[in-house]
PDB file of N, CA and C in Angstrom:
ATOM      1  N   MET A   1      24.201   6.000   5.935  1.00  0.00           N
ATOM      2  CA  MET A   1      23.109   5.040   5.887  1.00  0.00           C
ATOM      3  C   MET A   1      21.773   5.790   5.849  1.00  0.00           C
ATOM      4  N   ILE A   2      20.901   5.361   4.984  1.00  0.00           N
ATOM      5  CA  ILE A   2      19.596   6.002   4.840  1.00  0.00           C
ATOM      6  C   ILE A   2      18.692   5.538   5.979  1.00  0.00           C
ATOM      7  N   GLU A   3      18.033   6.489   6.606  1.00  0.00           N
ATOM      8  CA  GLU A   3      17.135   6.186   7.719  1.00  0.00           C
ATOM      9  C   GLU A   3      15.846   5.556   7.204  1.00  0.00           C
ATOM     10  N   LYS A   4      15.472   4.444   7.830  1.00  0.00           N
ATOM     11  CA  LYS A   4      14.231   3.767   7.462  1.00  0.00           C
ATOM     12  C   LYS A   4      13.135   4.140   8.449  1.00  0.00           C
ATOM     13  N   ARG A   5      11.906   4.106   7.969  1.00  0.00           N
ATOM     14  CA  ARG A   5      10.729   4.411   8.797  1.00  0.00           C
ATOM     15  C   ARG A   5       9.771   3.238   8.745  1.00  0.00           C
ATOM     16  N   LEU A   6       9.053   3.047   9.824  1.00  0.00           N
ATOM     17  CA  LEU A   6       8.001   2.046   9.875  1.00  0.00           C
ATOM     18  C   LEU A   6       6.705   2.748   9.517  1.00  0.00           C
ATOM     19  N   ALA A   7       5.929   2.168   8.615  1.00  0.00           N
ATOM     20  CA  ALA A   7       4.704   2.830   8.152  1.00  0.00           C
ATOM     21  C   ALA A   7       3.636   1.810   7.814  1.00  0.00           C
ATOM     22  N   ILE A   8       2.402   2.301   7.795  1.00  0.00           N
ATOM     23  CA  ILE A   8       1.252   1.516   7.349  1.00  0.00           C
ATOM     24  C   ILE A   8       0.652   2.232   6.151  1.00  0.00           C
ATOM     25  N   ILE A   9       0.515   1.509   5.063  1.00  0.00           N
ATOM     26  CA  ILE A   9      -0.155   2.053   3.885  1.00  0.00           C
ATOM     27  C   ILE A   9      -1.559   1.447   3.858  1.00  0.00           C
ATOM     28  N   SER A  10      -2.559   2.295   3.947  1.00  0.00           N
ATOM     29  CA  SER A  10      -3.955   1.860   3.891  1.00  0.00           C
ATOM     30  C   SER A  10      -4.456   2.052   2.470  1.00  0.00           C
ATOM     31  N   ILE A  11      -5.079   1.017   1.947  1.00  0.00           N
ATOM     32  CA  ILE A  11      -5.522   1.030   0.548  1.00  0.00           C
ATOM     33  C   ILE A  11      -6.991   0.622   0.481  1.00  0.00           C
ATOM     34  N   ILE A  12      -7.788   1.414  -0.218  1.00  0.00           N
ATOM     35  CA  ILE A  12      -9.172   1.044  -0.500  1.00  0.00           C
ATOM     36  C   ILE A  12      -9.271   0.836  -2.011  1.00  0.00           C
ATOM     37  N   VAL A  13      -9.713  -0.362  -2.381  1.00  0.00           N
ATOM     38  CA  VAL A  13      -9.795  -0.737  -3.787  1.00  0.00           C
ATOM     39  C   VAL A  13     -11.264  -0.776  -4.188  1.00  0.00           C
ATOM     40  N   GLU A  14     -11.662   0.190  -5.006  1.00  0.00           N
ATOM     41  CA  GLU A  14     -13.040   0.247  -5.502  1.00  0.00           C
ATOM     42  C   GLU A  14     -13.191  -0.500  -6.812  1.00  0.00           C
ATOM     43  N   ASP A  15     -12.093  -0.670  -7.539  1.00  0.00           N
ATOM     44  CA  ASP A  15     -12.106  -1.366  -8.829  1.00  0.00           C
ATOM     45  C   ASP A  15     -11.258  -2.628  -8.694  1.00  0.00           C
ATOM     46  N   ARG A  16     -11.905  -3.760  -8.494  1.00  0.00           N
ATOM     47  CA  ARG A  16     -11.182  -5.009  -8.270  1.00  0.00           C
ATOM     48  C   ARG A  16     -10.354  -5.422  -9.484  1.00  0.00           C
ATOM     49  N   GLN A  17     -10.636  -4.823 -10.645  1.00  0.00           N
ATOM     50  CA  GLN A  17      -9.842  -5.097 -11.845  1.00  0.00           C
ATOM     51  C   GLN A  17      -8.394  -4.628 -11.660  1.00  0.00           C
ATOM     52  N   LYS A  18      -8.154  -3.763 -10.697  1.00  0.00           N
ATOM     53  CA  LYS A  18      -6.813  -3.222 -10.445  1.00  0.00           C
ATOM     54  C   LYS A  18      -5.976  -4.127  -9.547  1.00  0.00           C
ATOM     55  N   SER A  19      -6.539  -5.245  -9.102  1.00  0.00           N
ATOM     56  CA  SER A  19      -5.831  -6.137  -8.173  1.00  0.00           C
ATOM     57  C   SER A  19      -4.478  -6.597  -8.717  1.00  0.00           C
ATOM     58  N   ALA A  20      -4.418  -6.946  -9.982  1.00  0.00           N
ATOM     59  CA  ALA A  20      -3.163  -7.411 -10.574  1.00  0.00           C
ATOM     60  C   ALA A  20      -2.110  -6.306 -10.553  1.00  0.00           C
ATOM     61  N   GLU A  21      -2.513  -5.076 -10.878  1.00  0.00           N
ATOM     62  CA  GLU A  21      -1.573  -3.949 -10.870  1.00  0.00           C
ATOM     63  C   GLU A  21      -1.095  -3.645  -9.452  1.00  0.00           C
ATOM     64  N   ILE A  22      -2.004  -3.739  -8.496  1.00  0.00           N
ATOM     65  CA  ILE A  22      -1.634  -3.513  -7.093  1.00  0.00           C
ATOM     66  C   ILE A  22      -0.615  -4.564  -6.663  1.00  0.00           C
ATOM     67  N   ASN A  23      -0.887  -5.818  -6.987  1.00  0.00           N
ATOM     68  CA  ASN A  23       0.029  -6.891  -6.600  1.00  0.00           C
ATOM     69  C   ASN A  23       1.392  -6.752  -7.269  1.00  0.00           C
ATOM     70  N   LEU A  24       1.420  -6.277  -8.512  1.00  0.00           N
ATOM     71  CA  LEU A  24       2.709  -6.045  -9.188  1.00  0.00           C
ATOM     72  C   LEU A  24       3.518  -4.970  -8.456  1.00  0.00           C
ATOM     73  N   LEU A  25       2.840  -3.886  -8.076  1.00  0.00           N
ATOM     74  CA  LEU A  25       3.528  -2.826  -7.334  1.00  0.00           C
ATOM     75  C   LEU A  25       4.034  -3.332  -5.983  1.00  0.00           C
ATOM     76  N   LEU A  26       3.185  -4.051  -5.268  1.00  0.00           N
ATOM     77  CA  LEU A  26       3.597  -4.564  -3.962  1.00  0.00           C
ATOM     78  C   LEU A  26       4.755  -5.549  -4.112  1.00  0.00           C
ATOM     79  N   SER A  27       4.752  -6.346  -5.153  1.00  0.00           N
ATOM     80  CA  SER A  27       5.864  -7.270  -5.400  1.00  0.00           C
ATOM     81  C   SER A  27       7.152  -6.521  -5.697  1.00  0.00           C
ATOM     82  N   ALA A  28       7.045  -5.434  -6.457  1.00  0.00           N
ATOM     83  CA  ALA A  28       8.228  -4.641  -6.806  1.00  0.00           C
ATOM     84  C   ALA A  28       8.871  -4.030  -5.556  1.00  0.00           C
ATOM     85  N   PHE A  29       8.057  -3.749  -4.543  1.00  0.00           N
ATOM     86  CA  PHE A  29       8.553  -3.161  -3.299  1.00  0.00           C
ATOM     87  C   PHE A  29       8.606  -4.214  -2.182  1.00  0.00           C
ATOM     88  N   GLY A  30       8.563  -5.472  -2.555  1.00  0.00           N
ATOM     89  CA  GLY A  30       8.465  -6.575  -1.607  1.00  0.00           C
ATOM     90  C   GLY A  30       9.564  -6.642  -0.565  1.00  0.00           C
ATOM     91  N   ASP A  31      10.766  -6.167  -0.898  1.00  0.00           N
ATOM     92  CA  ASP A  31      11.868  -6.198   0.074  1.00  0.00           C
ATOM     93  C   ASP A  31      11.578  -5.329   1.294  1.00  0.00           C
ATOM     94  N   TYR A  32      10.670  -4.377   1.161  1.00  0.00           N
ATOM     95  CA  TYR A  32      10.361  -3.451   2.248  1.00  0.00           C
ATOM     96  C   TYR A  32       9.093  -3.840   3.016  1.00  0.00           C
ATOM     97  N   ILE A  33       8.335  -4.792   2.502  1.00  0.00           N
ATOM     98  CA  ILE A  33       7.052  -5.138   3.115  1.00  0.00           C
ATOM     99  C   ILE A  33       7.250  -6.111   4.267  1.00  0.00           C
ATOM    100  N   VAL A  34       6.741  -5.725   5.425  1.00  0.00           N
ATOM    101  CA  VAL A  34       6.802  -6.561   6.622  1.00  0.00           C
ATOM    102  C   VAL A  34       5.617  -7.526   6.633  1.00  0.00           C
ATOM    103  N   GLY A  35       4.454  -7.039   6.239  1.00  0.00           N
ATOM    104  CA  GLY A  35       3.256  -7.873   6.198  1.00  0.00           C
ATOM    105  C   GLY A  35       2.114  -7.126   5.550  1.00  0.00           C
ATOM    106  N   ARG A  36       1.087  -7.869   5.180  1.00  0.00           N
ATOM    107  CA  ARG A  36      -0.075  -7.246   4.560  1.00  0.00           C
ATOM    108  C   ARG A  36      -1.331  -8.029   4.900  1.00  0.00           C
ATOM    109  N   MET A  37      -2.440  -7.307   4.887  1.00  0.00           N
ATOM    110  CA  MET A  37      -3.726  -7.919   5.179  1.00  0.00           C
ATOM    111  C   MET A  37      -4.746  -7.312   4.228  1.00  0.00           C
ATOM    112  N   GLY A  38      -5.610  -8.143   3.692  1.00  0.00           N
ATOM    113  CA  GLY A  38      -6.663  -7.655   2.812  1.00  0.00           C
ATOM    114  C   GLY A  38      -8.010  -8.190   3.255  1.00  0.00           C
ATOM    115  N   ILE A  39      -9.001  -7.327   3.218  1.00  0.00           N
ATOM    116  CA  ILE A  39     -10.342  -7.704   3.638  1.00  0.00           C
ATOM    117  C   ILE A  39     -11.329  -7.310   2.546  1.00  0.00           C
ATOM    118  N   PRO A  40     -12.010  -8.284   1.947  1.00  0.00           N
ATOM    119  CA  PRO A  40     -13.063  -7.927   0.991  1.00  0.00           C
ATOM    120  C   PRO A  40     -14.303  -7.478   1.769  1.00  0.00           C
ATOM    121  N   TYR A  41     -14.837  -6.336   1.408  1.00  0.00           N
ATOM    122  CA  TYR A  41     -16.027  -5.805   2.075  1.00  0.00           C
ATOM    123  C   TYR A  41     -17.156  -5.848   1.056  1.00  0.00           C
ATOM    124  N   LYS A  42     -17.805  -6.980   0.980  1.00  0.00           N
ATOM    125  CA  LYS A  42     -18.785  -7.253  -0.076  1.00  0.00           C
ATOM    126  C   LYS A  42     -19.987  -6.322  -0.038  1.00  0.00           C
ATOM    127  N   GLU A  43     -20.411  -5.909   1.160  1.00  0.00           N
ATOM    128  CA  GLU A  43     -21.574  -5.023   1.268  1.00  0.00           C
ATOM    129  C   GLU A  43     -21.345  -3.694   0.545  1.00  0.00           C
ATOM    130  N   ARG A  44     -20.083  -3.256   0.493  1.00  0.00           N
ATOM    131  CA  ARG A  44     -19.743  -1.991  -0.175  1.00  0.00           C
ATOM    132  C   ARG A  44     -19.079  -2.212  -1.533  1.00  0.00           C
ATOM    133  N   ASN A  45     -18.851  -3.479  -1.881  1.00  0.00           N
ATOM    134  CA  ASN A  45     -18.190  -3.835  -3.136  1.00  0.00           C
ATOM    135  C   ASN A  45     -16.793  -3.211  -3.257  1.00  0.00           C
ATOM    136  N   VAL A  46     -16.039  -3.250  -2.140  1.00  0.00           N
ATOM    137  CA  VAL A  46     -14.658  -2.757  -2.122  1.00  0.00           C
ATOM    138  C   VAL A  46     -13.789  -3.772  -1.386  1.00  0.00           C
ATOM    139  N   SER A  47     -12.495  -3.586  -1.491  1.00  0.00           N
ATOM    140  CA  SER A  47     -11.531  -4.331  -0.681  1.00  0.00           C
ATOM    141  C   SER A  47     -10.704  -3.313   0.087  1.00  0.00           C
ATOM    142  N   VAL A  48     -10.358  -3.669   1.315  1.00  0.00           N
ATOM    143  CA  VAL A  48      -9.545  -2.802   2.158  1.00  0.00           C
ATOM    144  C   VAL A  48      -8.254  -3.545   2.455  1.00  0.00           C
ATOM    145  N   MET A  49      -7.133  -2.886   2.213  1.00  0.00           N
ATOM    146  CA  MET A  49      -5.832  -3.506   2.457  1.00  0.00           C
ATOM    147  C   MET A  49      -5.025  -2.655   3.424  1.00  0.00           C
ATOM    148  N   CYS A  50      -4.182  -3.333   4.173  1.00  0.00           N
ATOM    149  CA  CYS A  50      -3.273  -2.682   5.098  1.00  0.00           C
ATOM    150  C   CYS A  50      -1.893  -3.303   4.861  1.00  0.00           C
ATOM    151  N   VAL A  51      -0.923  -2.485   4.508  1.00  0.00           N
ATOM    152  CA  VAL A  51       0.419  -2.980   4.209  1.00  0.00           C
ATOM    153  C   VAL A  51       1.404  -2.306   5.167  1.00  0.00           C
ATOM    154  N   VAL A  52       2.144  -3.114   5.917  1.00  0.00           N
ATOM    155  CA  VAL A  52       3.155  -2.597   6.838  1.00  0.00           C
ATOM    156  C   VAL A  52       4.496  -2.627   6.118  1.00  0.00           C
ATOM    157  N   VAL A  53       5.175  -1.483   6.093  1.00  0.00           N
ATOM    158  CA  VAL A  53       6.466  -1.381   5.412  1.00  0.00           C
ATOM    159  C   VAL A  53       7.519  -0.793   6.341  1.00  0.00           C
ATOM    160  N   ASP A  54       8.757  -1.177   6.103  1.00  0.00           N
ATOM    161  CA  ASP A  54       9.918  -0.649   6.816  1.00  0.00           C
ATOM    162  C   ASP A  54      10.902  -0.227   5.734  1.00  0.00           C
ATOM    163  N   ALA A  55      10.937   1.075   5.440  1.00  0.00           N
ATOM    164  CA  ALA A  55      11.682   1.558   4.277  1.00  0.00           C
ATOM    165  C   ALA A  55      12.031   3.034   4.456  1.00  0.00           C
ATOM    166  N   PRO A  56      12.929   3.543   3.606  1.00  0.00           N
ATOM    167  CA  PRO A  56      13.161   4.984   3.611  1.00  0.00           C
ATOM    168  C   PRO A  56      11.871   5.734   3.268  1.00  0.00           C
ATOM    169  N   ALA A  57      11.689   6.908   3.841  1.00  0.00           N
ATOM    170  CA  ALA A  57      10.466   7.688   3.632  1.00  0.00           C
ATOM    171  C   ALA A  57      10.196   7.921   2.147  1.00  0.00           C
ATOM    172  N   GLU A  58      11.226   8.173   1.383  1.00  0.00           N
ATOM    173  CA  GLU A  58      11.054   8.416  -0.051  1.00  0.00           C
ATOM    174  C   GLU A  58      10.478   7.180  -0.754  1.00  0.00           C
ATOM    175  N   THR A  59      10.915   6.005  -0.361  1.00  0.00           N
ATOM    176  CA  THR A  59      10.417   4.759  -0.950  1.00  0.00           C
ATOM    177  C   THR A  59       8.948   4.548  -0.588  1.00  0.00           C
ATOM    178  N   ILE A  60       8.612   4.812   0.666  1.00  0.00           N
ATOM    179  CA  ILE A  60       7.224   4.675   1.121  1.00  0.00           C
ATOM    180  C   ILE A  60       6.324   5.623   0.344  1.00  0.00           C
ATOM    181  N   ASN A  61       6.773   6.873   0.201  1.00  0.00           N
ATOM    182  CA  ASN A  61       5.990   7.863  -0.540  1.00  0.00           C
ATOM    183  C   ASN A  61       5.840   7.488  -2.011  1.00  0.00           C
ATOM    184  N   THR A  62       6.888   6.924  -2.591  1.00  0.00           N
ATOM    185  CA  THR A  62       6.820   6.490  -3.989  1.00  0.00           C
ATOM    186  C   THR A  62       5.787   5.390  -4.169  1.00  0.00           C
ATOM    187  N   LEU A  63       5.822   4.381  -3.296  1.00  0.00           N
ATOM    188  CA  LEU A  63       4.859   3.293  -3.390  1.00  0.00           C
ATOM    189  C   LEU A  63       3.434   3.806  -3.193  1.00  0.00           C
ATOM    190  N   THR A  64       3.230   4.634  -2.181  1.00  0.00           N
ATOM    191  CA  THR A  64       1.895   5.183  -1.929  1.00  0.00           C
ATOM    192  C   THR A  64       1.403   5.985  -3.133  1.00  0.00           C
ATOM    193  N   GLY A  65       2.269   6.795  -3.703  1.00  0.00           N
ATOM    194  CA  GLY A  65       1.905   7.600  -4.870  1.00  0.00           C
ATOM    195  C   GLY A  65       1.529   6.757  -6.067  1.00  0.00           C
ATOM    196  N   LYS A  66       2.308   5.707  -6.324  1.00  0.00           N
ATOM    197  CA  LYS A  66       2.017   4.828  -7.461  1.00  0.00           C
ATOM    198  C   LYS A  66       0.686   4.107  -7.262  1.00  0.00           C
ATOM    199  N   LEU A  67       0.421   3.669  -6.035  1.00  0.00           N
ATOM    200  CA  LEU A  67      -0.853   3.018  -5.758  1.00  0.00           C
ATOM    201  C   LEU A  67      -2.011   3.993  -5.952  1.00  0.00           C
ATOM    202  N   GLY A  68      -1.846   5.199  -5.425  1.00  0.00           N
ATOM    203  CA  GLY A  68      -2.897   6.208  -5.502  1.00  0.00           C
ATOM    204  C   GLY A  68      -3.175   6.702  -6.911  1.00  0.00           C
ATOM    205  N   MET A  69      -2.226   6.526  -7.824  1.00  0.00           N
ATOM    206  CA  MET A  69      -2.429   6.952  -9.207  1.00  0.00           C
ATOM    207  C   MET A  69      -3.290   5.973  -9.998  1.00  0.00           C
ATOM    208  N   LEU A  70      -3.492   4.773  -9.462  1.00  0.00           N
ATOM    209  CA  LEU A  70      -4.359   3.804 -10.140  1.00  0.00           C
ATOM    210  C   LEU A  70      -5.811   4.247  -9.970  1.00  0.00           C
ATOM    211  N   SER A  71      -6.561   4.283 -11.056  1.00  0.00           N
ATOM    212  CA  SER A  71      -7.964   4.682 -10.934  1.00  0.00           C
ATOM    213  C   SER A  71      -8.721   3.614 -10.152  1.00  0.00           C
ATOM    214  N   GLY A  72      -9.614   4.059  -9.291  1.00  0.00           N
ATOM    215  CA  GLY A  72     -10.370   3.130  -8.466  1.00  0.00           C
ATOM    216  C   GLY A  72      -9.629   2.660  -7.228  1.00  0.00           C
ATOM    217  N   VAL A  73      -8.471   3.292  -6.950  1.00  0.00           N
ATOM    218  CA  VAL A  73      -7.644   2.913  -5.794  1.00  0.00           C
ATOM    219  C   VAL A  73      -7.306   4.182  -5.008  1.00  0.00           C
ATOM    220  N   THR A  74      -7.503   4.123  -3.697  1.00  0.00           N
ATOM    221  CA  THR A  74      -7.111   5.224  -2.808  1.00  0.00           C
ATOM    222  C   THR A  74      -6.075   4.679  -1.838  1.00  0.00           C
ATOM    223  N   ALA A  75      -4.974   5.414  -1.646  1.00  0.00           N
ATOM    224  CA  ALA A  75      -3.907   4.964  -0.756  1.00  0.00           C
ATOM    225  C   ALA A  75      -3.435   6.135   0.105  1.00  0.00           C
ATOM    226  N   LYS A  76      -3.282   5.884   1.393  1.00  0.00           N
ATOM    227  CA  LYS A  76      -2.774   6.876   2.335  1.00  0.00           C
ATOM    228  C   LYS A  76      -1.782   6.198   3.267  1.00  0.00           C
ATOM    229  N   THR A  77      -0.842   6.967   3.776  1.00  0.00           N
ATOM    230  CA  THR A  77       0.204   6.422   4.629  1.00  0.00           C
ATOM    231  C   THR A  77       0.208   7.063   6.002  1.00  0.00           C
ATOM    232  N   LEU A  78       0.447   6.234   7.000  1.00  0.00           N
ATOM    233  CA  LEU A  78       0.679   6.680   8.373  1.00  0.00           C
ATOM    234  C   LEU A  78       2.109   6.255   8.708  1.00  0.00           C
ATOM    235  N   MET A  79       2.983   7.234   8.940  1.00  0.00           N
ATOM    236  CA  MET A  79       4.390   6.952   9.186  1.00  0.00           C
ATOM    237  C   MET A  79       4.720   7.154  10.660  1.00  0.00           C
ATOM    238  N   SER A  80       5.503   6.229  11.209  1.00  0.00           N
ATOM    239  CA  SER A  80       5.933   6.349  12.595  1.00  0.00           C
ATOM    240  C   SER A  80       7.094   7.333  12.701  1.00  0.00           C
ATOM    241  N   LYS A  81       7.404   7.699  13.912  1.00  0.00           N
ATOM    242  CA  LYS A  81       8.557   8.566  14.152  1.00  0.00           C
ATOM    243  C   LYS A  81       9.810   7.756  14.424  1.00  0.00           C
ATOM    244  N   ILE A  82       9.652   6.422  14.491  1.00  0.00           N
ATOM    245  CA  ILE A  82      10.836   5.569  14.732  1.00  0.00           C
ATOM    246  C   ILE A  82      11.369   4.993  13.447  1.00  0.00           C
TER     247      ILE A  82
END
């Protein structure tokens, strides 16, 4: 059995045009998503998202990498030890 990890993927979206692509990626990995929160920060013209996932480390890294490859999008992961 593959070990799953609990993680938070933090996403800063500088290009709101990428919202559809972000949502497609999150939908593709939807079986692993526990919850998500998005906050538009109008003063800075960005959106900040927090996605909680429970998945194998490789899957988490793949999703984070795909998000981070979108121009105007920054994604980083904090993984638990459990």
